[in-house]
Amino acid sequence: EVRFRSMADITPVLITVGDETGNIMYYNKAWSDLTGRPMEVLLHSDWTELIATEDKERFVAVFLEAFTIKAPFTGEFRVQNTKGESRWLLAHGVPRFNADNNFVGYIAACSDITELKISQQQLQTGLEQVRLSKEAAELGTFDLDLEKGTMHWDDRCRTLFGISHNEPVTYEKDFVGGLHHDDQERILKVIESAFVKFISNGDYDVEYRTVGGEDGVVRWV
């Protein structure tokens, strides 16, 4: 026990040990450092009070579902640190059993994932800004899987090729087949050369006509 406590108190990972009723009977030092609450206060408080109001119902539901069947659980929630800031924690809990295979509680470890959450939010914000910019500029984009020959077209790109359905599209049938006959040979040569390193850096900038797959309308792209 002394060895366990010594190791637990020097790690930045937040560790708790619970009993068979769901109460926590041990917090390591990292919990006091994060929350600013003395150990005796933590031990005599309801552990759910540490969880941000917005996350409490969701995380407690995850815990109770696992507790009912004595299974491992994983969940995210926010707590307030000593500066009053919200910190995101990722919790992993595993059930404990004694020598007679009786359930005696959980041991859980929480990691601070706040920076990861911030990065994810910044990425989502950036992607949303790109999406809005594309819509404002009426830009169509596509991705091509070279091995499978499949493509992903956004709505604007589908419009430029005169199709309205959301079914899968392919390079040969939809892209090549959607090129105007007079432009097809020229454009295919440009695209093929984009994959040859000694004549191209991979970029291409071209104009061509499409013939709508459904409406037959000729469009300049």
Protein backbone atom coordinates (compact mmCIF):
# COMPACT_ATOMS: atom_id res chain seq x y z
CA GLU A 1 0.00 0.00 0.00
CA VAL A 2 2.83 2.40 0.84
CA ARG A 3 4.49 1.62 -2.45
CA PHE A 4 1.23 2.15 -4.36
CA ARG A 5 0.54 5.48 -2.63
CA SER A 6 4.10 6.69 -3.28
CA MET A 7 3.81 5.92 -6.99
CA ALA A 8 0.27 7.32 -7.25
CA ASP A 9 1.19 10.60 -5.58
CA ILE A 10 4.09 11.45 -7.90
CA THR A 11 2.20 10.83 -11.15
CA PRO A 12 0.33 13.64 -12.93
CA VAL A 13 -2.41 11.13 -13.78
CA LEU A 14 -5.43 11.56 -11.51
CA ILE A 15 -6.15 8.27 -9.74
CA THR A 16 -9.14 7.23 -7.63
CA VAL A 17 -10.10 4.00 -5.92
CA GLY A 18 -13.78 3.32 -5.24
CA ASP A 19 -15.61 0.79 -3.11
CA GLU A 20 -18.41 -1.65 -3.94
CA THR A 21 -21.07 1.03 -3.34
CA GLY A 22 -19.63 3.51 -5.84
CA ASN A 23 -18.10 5.83 -3.24
CA ILE A 24 -14.48 6.93 -3.65
CA MET A 25 -12.21 5.99 -0.77
CA TYR A 26 -8.90 7.19 -2.22
CA TYR A 27 -7.74 10.17 -4.29
CA ASN A 28 -4.12 10.66 -5.22
CA LYS A 29 -2.31 13.98 -4.72
CA ALA A 30 -2.94 15.08 -8.33
CA TRP A 31 -6.64 15.54 -7.50
CA SER A 32 -5.83 17.98 -4.70
CA ASP A 33 -3.36 19.81 -6.92
CA LEU A 34 -5.94 20.17 -9.70
CA THR A 35 -9.01 21.10 -7.66
CA GLY A 36 -7.35 22.86 -4.72
CA ARG A 37 -9.44 20.76 -2.34
CA PRO A 38 -7.71 19.15 0.66
CA MET A 39 -7.77 15.35 0.76
CA GLU A 40 -10.17 15.22 3.71
CA VAL A 41 -12.63 17.44 1.81
CA LEU A 42 -12.44 15.24 -1.29
CA LEU A 43 -13.00 12.08 0.73
CA HIS A 44 -16.07 13.49 2.47
CA SER A 45 -17.68 14.91 -0.66
CA ASP A 46 -19.82 13.37 -3.37
CA TRP A 47 -17.42 12.78 -6.26
CA THR A 48 -20.06 13.85 -8.78
CA GLU A 49 -19.81 17.39 -7.35
CA LEU A 50 -16.43 17.72 -9.07
CA ILE A 51 -17.99 17.28 -12.50
CA ALA A 52 -19.18 20.29 -14.48
CA THR A 53 -22.96 20.60 -14.49
CA GLU A 54 -23.12 20.27 -18.29
CA ASP A 55 -21.27 16.94 -18.20
CA LYS A 56 -22.57 15.39 -14.98
CA GLU A 57 -25.66 13.57 -16.23
CA ARG A 58 -23.87 12.13 -19.26
CA PHE A 59 -20.80 10.88 -17.39
CA VAL A 60 -22.71 9.51 -14.41
CA ALA A 61 -24.90 7.56 -16.83
CA VAL A 62 -21.76 6.03 -18.39
CA PHE A 63 -20.45 5.09 -14.95
CA LEU A 64 -23.74 3.61 -13.71
CA GLU A 65 -24.19 1.54 -16.85
CA ALA A 66 -20.74 0.01 -16.31
CA PHE A 67 -21.26 -0.30 -12.56
CA THR A 68 -24.44 -2.34 -13.08
CA ILE A 69 -22.59 -5.07 -14.98
CA LYS A 70 -19.19 -4.53 -13.30
CA ALA A 71 -17.53 -3.63 -16.61
CA PRO A 72 -14.75 -1.20 -17.57
CA PHE A 73 -15.81 2.31 -18.57
CA THR A 74 -14.41 5.31 -20.43
CA GLY A 75 -15.81 8.83 -20.38
CA GLU A 76 -14.98 12.52 -20.66
CA PHE A 77 -15.96 15.37 -18.36
CA ARG A 78 -14.83 18.78 -17.19
CA VAL A 79 -13.67 19.89 -13.73
CA GLN A 80 -12.71 23.31 -12.42
CA ASN A 81 -9.10 23.85 -11.43
CA THR A 82 -7.70 26.14 -8.74
CA LYS A 83 -7.77 29.09 -11.18
CA GLY A 84 -11.43 28.60 -11.95
CA GLU A 85 -10.65 27.22 -15.41
CA SER A 86 -12.43 24.24 -16.95
CA ARG A 87 -10.16 21.29 -17.66
CA TRP A 88 -11.25 18.30 -19.75
CA LEU A 89 -10.47 14.89 -18.27
CA LEU A 90 -10.58 11.49 -19.94
CA ALA A 91 -11.40 8.77 -17.41
CA HIS A 92 -10.68 5.05 -17.72
CA GLY A 93 -12.08 2.80 -14.98
CA VAL A 94 -11.68 -0.92 -14.38
CA PRO A 95 -13.54 -3.06 -11.81
CA ARG A 96 -11.66 -4.63 -8.89
CA PHE A 97 -12.32 -8.13 -7.55
CA ASN A 98 -10.95 -9.82 -4.44
CA ALA A 99 -9.49 -13.32 -4.11
CA ASP A 100 -13.03 -14.75 -3.91
CA ASN A 101 -13.94 -12.96 -7.13
CA ASN A 102 -16.29 -10.60 -5.33
CA PHE A 103 -16.63 -7.10 -6.75
CA VAL A 104 -14.99 -4.55 -4.44
CA GLY A 105 -15.12 -1.35 -6.50
CA TYR A 106 -13.30 0.49 -9.27
CA ILE A 107 -9.88 1.95 -9.81
CA ALA A 108 -9.91 4.84 -12.28
CA ALA A 109 -7.29 7.00 -13.96
CA CYS A 110 -7.99 10.39 -15.51
CA SER A 111 -5.79 12.25 -17.97
CA ASP A 112 -6.01 15.97 -18.77
CA ILE A 113 -7.01 16.25 -22.44
CA THR A 114 -7.82 19.97 -22.47
CA GLU A 115 -5.19 20.86 -25.09
CA LEU A 116 -6.46 18.04 -27.32
CA LYS A 117 -10.02 19.33 -26.98
CA ILE A 118 -8.89 22.86 -27.84
CA SER A 119 -7.05 21.57 -30.92
CA GLN A 120 -10.11 19.61 -32.01
CA GLN A 121 -12.30 22.68 -31.61
CA GLN A 122 -9.84 24.83 -33.57
CA LEU A 123 -9.77 22.21 -36.32
CA GLN A 124 -13.56 22.07 -36.46
CA THR A 125 -13.71 25.87 -36.56
CA GLY A 126 -11.15 25.93 -39.37
CA LEU A 127 -13.03 23.29 -41.35
CA GLU A 128 -16.28 25.19 -40.91
CA GLN A 129 -14.61 28.39 -42.13
CA VAL A 130 -13.30 26.54 -45.18
CA ARG A 131 -16.76 25.10 -45.85
CA LEU A 132 -18.41 28.51 -45.61
CA SER A 133 -15.73 30.06 -47.84
CA LYS A 134 -16.27 27.35 -50.44
CA GLU A 135 -19.99 27.93 -50.40
CA ALA A 136 -19.61 31.69 -50.69
CA ALA A 137 -17.21 31.32 -53.63
CA GLU A 138 -19.33 28.54 -55.17
CA LEU A 139 -16.29 26.25 -55.29
CA GLY A 140 -16.66 22.54 -55.95
CA THR A 141 -14.17 20.07 -54.46
CA PHE A 142 -13.49 16.40 -54.92
CA ASP A 143 -11.27 13.64 -53.57
CA LEU A 144 -10.02 10.79 -55.75
CA ASP A 145 -9.03 7.32 -54.52
CA LEU A 146 -6.41 6.31 -57.09
CA GLU A 147 -6.44 2.62 -56.18
CA LYS A 148 -10.21 2.13 -56.25
CA GLY A 149 -11.02 4.73 -58.87
CA THR A 150 -13.76 6.12 -56.64
CA MET A 151 -14.41 9.81 -56.05
CA HIS A 152 -16.04 11.97 -53.42
CA TRP A 153 -17.81 14.99 -54.85
CA ASP A 154 -19.33 17.73 -52.74
CA ASP A 155 -22.73 19.16 -53.72
CA ARG A 156 -21.24 21.99 -55.78
CA CYS A 157 -19.02 19.61 -57.76
CA ARG A 158 -22.04 17.43 -58.53
CA THR A 159 -23.85 20.51 -59.80
CA LEU A 160 -20.90 21.35 -62.08
CA PHE A 161 -21.21 17.88 -63.61
CA GLY A 162 -24.99 18.14 -63.89
CA ILE A 163 -26.03 15.46 -61.44
CA SER A 164 -28.38 15.81 -58.47
CA HIS A 165 -28.21 12.36 -56.84
CA ASN A 166 -25.97 11.49 -53.90
CA GLU A 167 -24.99 8.05 -55.16
CA PRO A 168 -21.27 7.11 -55.33
CA VAL A 169 -19.35 8.49 -58.31
CA THR A 170 -16.29 7.14 -60.11
CA TYR A 171 -13.43 8.64 -62.07
CA GLU A 172 -14.17 6.78 -65.32
CA LYS A 173 -17.96 6.95 -65.41
CA ASP A 174 -18.72 10.33 -63.88
CA PHE A 175 -15.60 12.48 -64.24
CA VAL A 176 -14.24 11.25 -67.59
CA GLY A 177 -17.75 10.57 -68.87
CA GLY A 178 -18.81 14.07 -67.84
CA LEU A 179 -16.10 15.87 -69.82
CA HIS A 180 -17.06 17.55 -73.07
CA HIS A 181 -15.88 15.45 -76.02
CA ASP A 182 -13.73 18.27 -77.42
CA ASP A 183 -11.91 18.76 -74.09
CA GLN A 184 -11.62 15.18 -72.89
CA GLU A 185 -8.29 14.14 -74.47
CA ARG A 186 -6.57 17.39 -73.46
CA ILE A 187 -7.73 17.25 -69.85
CA LEU A 188 -6.91 13.58 -69.34
CA LYS A 189 -3.34 14.21 -70.55
CA VAL A 190 -2.98 17.09 -68.09
CA ILE A 191 -4.26 14.98 -65.19
CA GLU A 192 -2.09 11.99 -66.09
CA SER A 193 1.01 14.19 -66.24
CA ALA A 194 0.24 15.48 -62.73
CA PHE A 195 1.25 12.05 -61.40
CA VAL A 196 4.63 12.05 -63.19
CA LYS A 197 7.22 13.71 -60.97
CA PHE A 198 9.77 14.68 -63.60
CA ILE A 199 7.25 16.76 -65.59
CA SER A 200 4.94 18.00 -62.84
CA ASN A 201 4.92 19.05 -59.21
CA GLY A 202 1.45 17.54 -58.87
CA ASP A 203 -0.51 20.73 -59.48
CA TYR A 204 -2.65 21.50 -62.48
CA ASP A 205 -4.72 24.52 -63.48
CA VAL A 206 -7.07 24.04 -66.40
CA GLU A 207 -10.38 25.10 -67.90
CA TYR A 208 -12.77 22.68 -69.55
CA ARG A 209 -16.40 22.02 -70.33
CA THR A 210 -18.65 19.45 -68.69
CA VAL A 211 -21.82 17.98 -70.13
CA GLY A 212 -24.42 17.43 -67.40
CA GLY A 213 -24.96 13.75 -66.76
CA GLU A 214 -28.65 14.30 -66.05
CA ASP A 215 -29.52 17.60 -67.68
CA GLY A 216 -27.15 17.63 -70.67
CA VAL A 217 -26.21 21.26 -69.95
CA VAL A 218 -22.73 22.38 -71.07
CA ARG A 219 -20.86 24.21 -68.28
CA TRP A 220 -17.42 25.82 -68.22
CA VAL A 221 -15.34 24.76 -65.19
